[in-house]
Amino acid sequence: MNGHYNLKVYLMDKIQISKQIELSTFFELMPGKVVDVQINHPVAVRLKLPVVGYELGRYILLKYPDVARSNDYSDVLVEGNIAIVRYIIEGSKGHCCAFRTSIRNVVSYPEKFLLLAYPNQIENRQLRKQQRHIIHLPATLELDNDRGSEIVEGIINDISMQGCGFIFKSENAQTKVKKLDIFVCVHSSVNESMKIPAKVCNCRNELGNVSVGIQFSQGDKQVSNLLEHLLIDAEFSS
């Protein structure tokens, strides 16, 4: 009987550890990250709110939305209301994550915050068909916009045969790169540089940290050469 009880406790502990590992894998809500919050009662509302902080296993703290007199959300942002939170994990994972939670409280001091219950489970869906390889490669984007030709300096932080992630810093929290055709410029060696045709698929600005999702033009041999230069097997990146 005692052995059966110990086995049951052991299995319950294993399940709990597994759940904790799964949550820690997809719980990437660092302060400043903007999440999508959906509330359906009494009316449907979707808000983009930055994360202020959290305590593991207990709560998540979000900034209360800036409001006008005509809409202060006081009818939907109330204790006990259910919320669906969604966010994107970039890098090699490339996951869209979502979890169901409830509003625990609306904090008014020192300023207004939204206190959410910590999730028990996080659903996730992989966004990319190709495995991205994490790198840290200085590069520039060459683009044409309303102001003419422009060069943006930054870092390629992940890459595959199909595309890459590019990040750069901006003093303007509203800075974004429009969906347009660009060139990704990389110095592959001392005397050689690559100018890879591509296009911007998405862009996010989180407190001045701008992340750009880029798709390479099909059949560009320079991408294969770049991966080879980075000692990445192109066959496993397509």
Protein backbone atom coordinates (compact mmCIF):
# COMPACT_ATOMS: atom_id res chain seq x y z
CA MET A 1 0.00 0.00 0.00
CA ASN A 2 2.80 2.37 0.99
CA GLY A 3 4.71 1.47 -2.19
CA HIS A 4 1.62 2.20 -4.32
CA TYR A 5 1.24 5.57 -2.60
CA ASN A 6 4.91 6.45 -3.18
CA LEU A 7 4.60 5.53 -6.88
CA LYS A 8 1.52 7.75 -7.19
CA VAL A 9 3.35 10.68 -5.56
CA TYR A 10 6.37 10.06 -7.83
CA LEU A 11 4.21 10.10 -10.98
CA MET A 12 2.38 13.24 -9.85
CA ASP A 13 5.74 14.94 -9.25
CA LYS A 14 6.94 13.89 -12.73
CA ILE A 15 3.78 15.33 -14.33
CA GLN A 16 4.19 18.58 -12.38
CA ILE A 17 7.87 18.89 -13.44
CA SER A 18 6.88 18.22 -17.07
CA LYS A 19 4.25 20.96 -16.93
CA GLN A 20 6.75 23.37 -15.42
CA ILE A 21 9.27 22.64 -18.19
CA GLU A 22 6.59 23.17 -20.86
CA LEU A 23 5.52 26.46 -19.30
CA SER A 24 9.09 27.72 -18.95
CA THR A 25 9.79 26.79 -22.60
CA PHE A 26 7.02 28.98 -24.00
CA PHE A 27 6.65 31.58 -21.24
CA GLU A 28 8.81 34.33 -22.72
CA LEU A 29 7.11 37.45 -21.41
CA MET A 30 9.98 39.72 -20.49
CA PRO A 31 9.14 43.27 -19.29
CA GLY A 32 8.38 45.49 -22.27
CA LYS A 33 7.08 42.70 -24.52
CA VAL A 34 3.72 43.60 -26.06
CA VAL A 35 0.98 40.96 -25.90
CA ASP A 36 -2.47 40.73 -27.49
CA VAL A 37 -5.22 40.53 -24.87
CA GLN A 38 -8.72 39.44 -25.98
CA ILE A 39 -11.78 39.77 -23.76
CA ASN A 40 -15.25 38.74 -24.99
CA HIS A 41 -17.56 39.76 -22.11
CA PRO A 42 -19.66 41.86 -21.97
CA VAL A 43 -18.33 43.10 -25.35
CA ALA A 44 -15.49 41.86 -27.56
CA VAL A 45 -12.28 43.86 -27.02
CA ARG A 46 -8.69 43.25 -28.18
CA LEU A 47 -5.87 45.28 -26.66
CA LYS A 48 -2.11 45.51 -27.21
CA LEU A 49 -0.56 45.80 -23.74
CA PRO A 50 3.10 45.76 -22.61
CA VAL A 51 4.25 43.37 -19.88
CA VAL A 52 5.42 45.11 -16.71
CA GLY A 53 6.53 41.98 -14.85
CA TYR A 54 5.42 38.69 -13.32
CA GLU A 55 5.94 36.26 -10.45
CA LEU A 56 6.31 32.65 -11.56
CA GLY A 57 3.26 30.58 -10.74
CA ARG A 58 1.30 33.51 -9.31
CA TYR A 59 0.53 36.46 -11.58
CA ILE A 60 1.40 38.55 -14.66
CA LEU A 61 1.37 42.35 -14.50
CA LEU A 62 0.36 44.33 -17.61
CA LYS A 63 0.18 48.07 -18.17
CA TYR A 64 -3.42 49.33 -18.18
CA PRO A 65 -4.37 50.71 -21.62
CA ASP A 66 -4.25 54.44 -22.27
CA VAL A 67 -7.87 55.51 -22.27
CA ALA A 68 -10.03 58.40 -23.36
CA ARG A 69 -13.13 59.54 -21.55
CA SER A 70 -15.28 57.88 -24.19
CA ASN A 71 -13.76 54.44 -23.54
CA ASP A 72 -12.08 53.53 -20.24
CA TYR A 73 -12.67 49.75 -20.57
CA SER A 74 -14.03 49.69 -17.01
CA ASP A 75 -16.87 47.40 -18.13
CA VAL A 76 -14.55 44.66 -19.48
CA LEU A 77 -11.34 45.00 -17.43
CA VAL A 78 -12.92 43.77 -14.21
CA GLU A 79 -11.93 41.15 -11.66
CA GLY A 80 -12.93 37.61 -12.67
CA ASN A 81 -13.32 38.30 -16.38
CA ILE A 82 -11.68 35.74 -18.70
CA ALA A 83 -8.92 36.86 -21.08
CA ILE A 84 -7.05 35.16 -23.93
CA VAL A 85 -3.41 36.29 -24.17
CA ARG A 86 -1.42 35.79 -27.41
CA TYR A 87 2.21 36.55 -28.29
CA ILE A 88 4.96 35.55 -30.72
CA ILE A 89 8.25 33.86 -29.88
CA GLU A 90 10.85 34.73 -32.48
CA GLY A 91 14.22 33.12 -33.11
CA SER A 92 14.59 29.47 -34.04
CA LYS A 93 11.33 28.57 -32.31
CA GLY A 94 9.03 30.81 -34.34
CA HIS A 95 5.93 30.00 -32.27
CA CYS A 96 2.59 31.70 -31.78
CA CYS A 97 1.64 31.16 -28.13
CA ALA A 98 -1.70 31.63 -26.37
CA PHE A 99 -3.15 30.96 -22.95
CA ARG A 100 -6.43 31.42 -21.13
CA THR A 101 -6.37 33.34 -17.88
CA SER A 102 -8.53 35.55 -15.67
CA ILE A 103 -8.25 39.10 -14.37
CA ARG A 104 -7.30 38.97 -10.69
CA ASN A 105 -7.30 42.68 -10.02
CA VAL A 106 -6.93 46.18 -11.44
CA VAL A 107 -4.18 47.97 -9.51
CA SER A 108 -4.50 51.75 -9.21
CA TYR A 109 -1.28 52.68 -7.37
CA PRO A 110 1.40 53.87 -8.15
CA GLU A 111 -0.33 53.78 -11.54
CA LYS A 112 -2.93 51.62 -13.21
CA PHE A 113 -1.95 47.99 -13.92
CA LEU A 114 -3.81 44.84 -14.93
CA LEU A 115 -3.10 41.79 -12.76
CA LEU A 116 -3.67 38.44 -14.54
CA ALA A 117 -3.59 34.94 -13.07
CA TYR A 118 -0.51 32.92 -14.08
CA PRO A 119 -1.43 30.33 -16.78
CA ASN A 120 -1.70 26.61 -16.10
CA GLN A 121 -1.11 25.74 -19.76
CA ILE A 122 0.26 27.49 -22.84
CA GLU A 123 -0.90 26.45 -26.31
CA ASN A 124 1.61 26.93 -29.10
CA ARG A 125 1.74 26.64 -32.87
CA GLN A 126 4.93 26.61 -34.91
CA LEU A 127 4.97 29.36 -37.52
CA ARG A 128 7.89 28.27 -39.66
CA LYS A 129 8.30 25.29 -41.93
CA GLN A 130 12.09 25.64 -41.83
CA GLN A 131 14.41 25.39 -38.87
CA ARG A 132 16.06 28.74 -38.16
CA HIS A 133 19.67 28.81 -36.98
CA ILE A 134 20.56 31.31 -34.26
CA ILE A 135 23.45 33.58 -35.26
CA HIS A 136 24.77 37.06 -34.46
CA LEU A 137 25.83 38.55 -37.78
CA PRO A 138 26.22 42.32 -38.39
CA ALA A 139 24.35 43.32 -41.55
CA THR A 140 22.49 46.20 -43.17
CA LEU A 141 19.13 46.55 -44.91
CA GLU A 142 19.03 48.65 -48.06
CA LEU A 143 15.55 49.89 -48.80
CA ASP A 144 13.68 52.50 -50.76
CA ASN A 145 10.87 54.37 -49.04
CA ASP A 146 9.07 57.72 -49.18
CA ARG A 147 12.27 59.46 -48.08
CA GLY A 148 14.38 57.81 -50.78
CA SER A 149 17.11 55.21 -50.39
CA GLU A 150 17.93 54.30 -46.79
CA ILE A 151 20.43 52.06 -45.01
CA VAL A 152 19.53 50.41 -41.69
CA GLU A 153 22.32 48.86 -39.63
CA GLY A 154 21.60 45.94 -37.34
CA ILE A 155 22.08 42.24 -36.63
CA ILE A 156 20.82 39.07 -38.32
CA ASN A 157 19.81 36.98 -35.31
CA ASP A 158 18.46 33.86 -37.09
CA ILE A 159 18.62 32.48 -40.62
CA SER A 160 17.51 29.68 -42.97
CA MET A 161 17.48 29.21 -46.73
CA GLN A 162 14.05 30.86 -46.83
CA GLY A 163 14.62 33.95 -44.72
CA CYS A 164 16.09 35.59 -41.65
CA GLY A 165 15.31 37.71 -38.62
CA PHE A 166 16.88 41.17 -38.43
CA ILE A 167 16.96 43.40 -35.35
CA PHE A 168 18.03 46.99 -34.81
CA LYS A 169 17.57 49.71 -32.23
CA SER A 170 15.63 52.92 -32.72
CA GLU A 171 15.12 55.91 -30.43
CA ASN A 172 11.59 56.20 -31.83
CA ALA A 173 9.14 53.66 -30.36
CA GLN A 174 7.00 54.04 -33.51
CA THR A 175 9.75 53.15 -36.02
CA LYS A 176 8.84 50.27 -38.35
CA VAL A 177 9.96 48.89 -41.70
CA LYS A 178 7.15 48.68 -44.24
CA LYS A 179 6.41 45.52 -46.21
CA LEU A 180 8.53 46.17 -49.29
CA ASP A 181 11.37 44.81 -51.39
CA ILE A 182 14.82 45.27 -49.86
CA PHE A 183 18.41 44.07 -50.05
CA VAL A 184 20.13 42.32 -47.14
CA CYS A 185 23.79 43.31 -47.22
CA VAL A 186 26.34 41.10 -45.46
CA HIS A 187 30.14 41.15 -45.38
CA SER A 188 31.06 37.47 -45.71
CA SER A 189 34.83 38.08 -45.66
CA VAL A 190 37.36 40.88 -45.63
CA ASN A 191 37.13 41.58 -49.36
CA GLU A 192 33.72 40.14 -50.22
CA SER A 193 30.19 41.32 -49.53
CA MET A 194 26.77 39.96 -50.44
CA LYS A 195 23.68 41.88 -51.46
CA ILE A 196 20.76 39.47 -51.19
CA PRO A 197 17.35 40.47 -52.67
CA ALA A 198 14.52 39.93 -50.19
CA LYS A 199 11.28 41.40 -48.89
CA VAL A 200 9.96 42.44 -45.48
CA CYS A 201 7.15 40.18 -44.23
CA ASN A 202 6.55 41.65 -40.77
CA CYS A 203 7.94 44.16 -38.32
CA ARG A 204 7.48 44.86 -34.61
CA ASN A 205 8.77 47.65 -32.40
CA GLU A 206 9.00 46.83 -28.70
CA LEU A 207 10.26 49.88 -26.81
CA GLY A 208 12.75 50.79 -29.54
CA ASN A 209 13.89 47.22 -30.26
CA VAL A 210 12.76 46.65 -33.84
CA SER A 211 12.41 43.06 -35.11
CA VAL A 212 12.03 42.51 -38.86
CA GLY A 213 10.95 39.23 -40.46
CA ILE A 214 12.55 38.84 -43.90
CA GLN A 215 11.93 36.41 -46.77
CA PHE A 216 14.74 35.83 -49.27
CA SER A 217 14.03 35.79 -53.01
CA GLN A 218 13.68 32.25 -54.33
CA GLY A 219 16.71 30.57 -55.85
CA ASP A 220 19.30 33.11 -54.75
CA LYS A 221 22.66 31.30 -54.69
CA GLN A 222 24.13 33.93 -52.40
CA VAL A 223 22.04 32.54 -49.53
CA SER A 224 23.60 29.09 -50.00
CA ASN A 225 27.05 30.70 -50.09
CA LEU A 226 26.31 32.65 -46.93
CA LEU A 227 25.11 29.55 -45.07
CA GLU A 228 28.22 27.70 -46.22
CA HIS A 229 30.36 30.58 -44.97
CA LEU A 230 28.57 30.32 -41.60
CA LEU A 231 29.18 26.53 -41.52
CA ILE A 232 25.44 25.85 -41.73
CA ASP A 233 24.30 22.92 -43.86
CA ALA A 234 21.88 24.45 -46.42
CA GLU A 235 20.28 21.04 -46.98
CA PHE A 236 18.89 21.09 -43.42
CA SER A 237 17.81 24.72 -43.63
CA SER A 238 15.52 24.51 -46.67
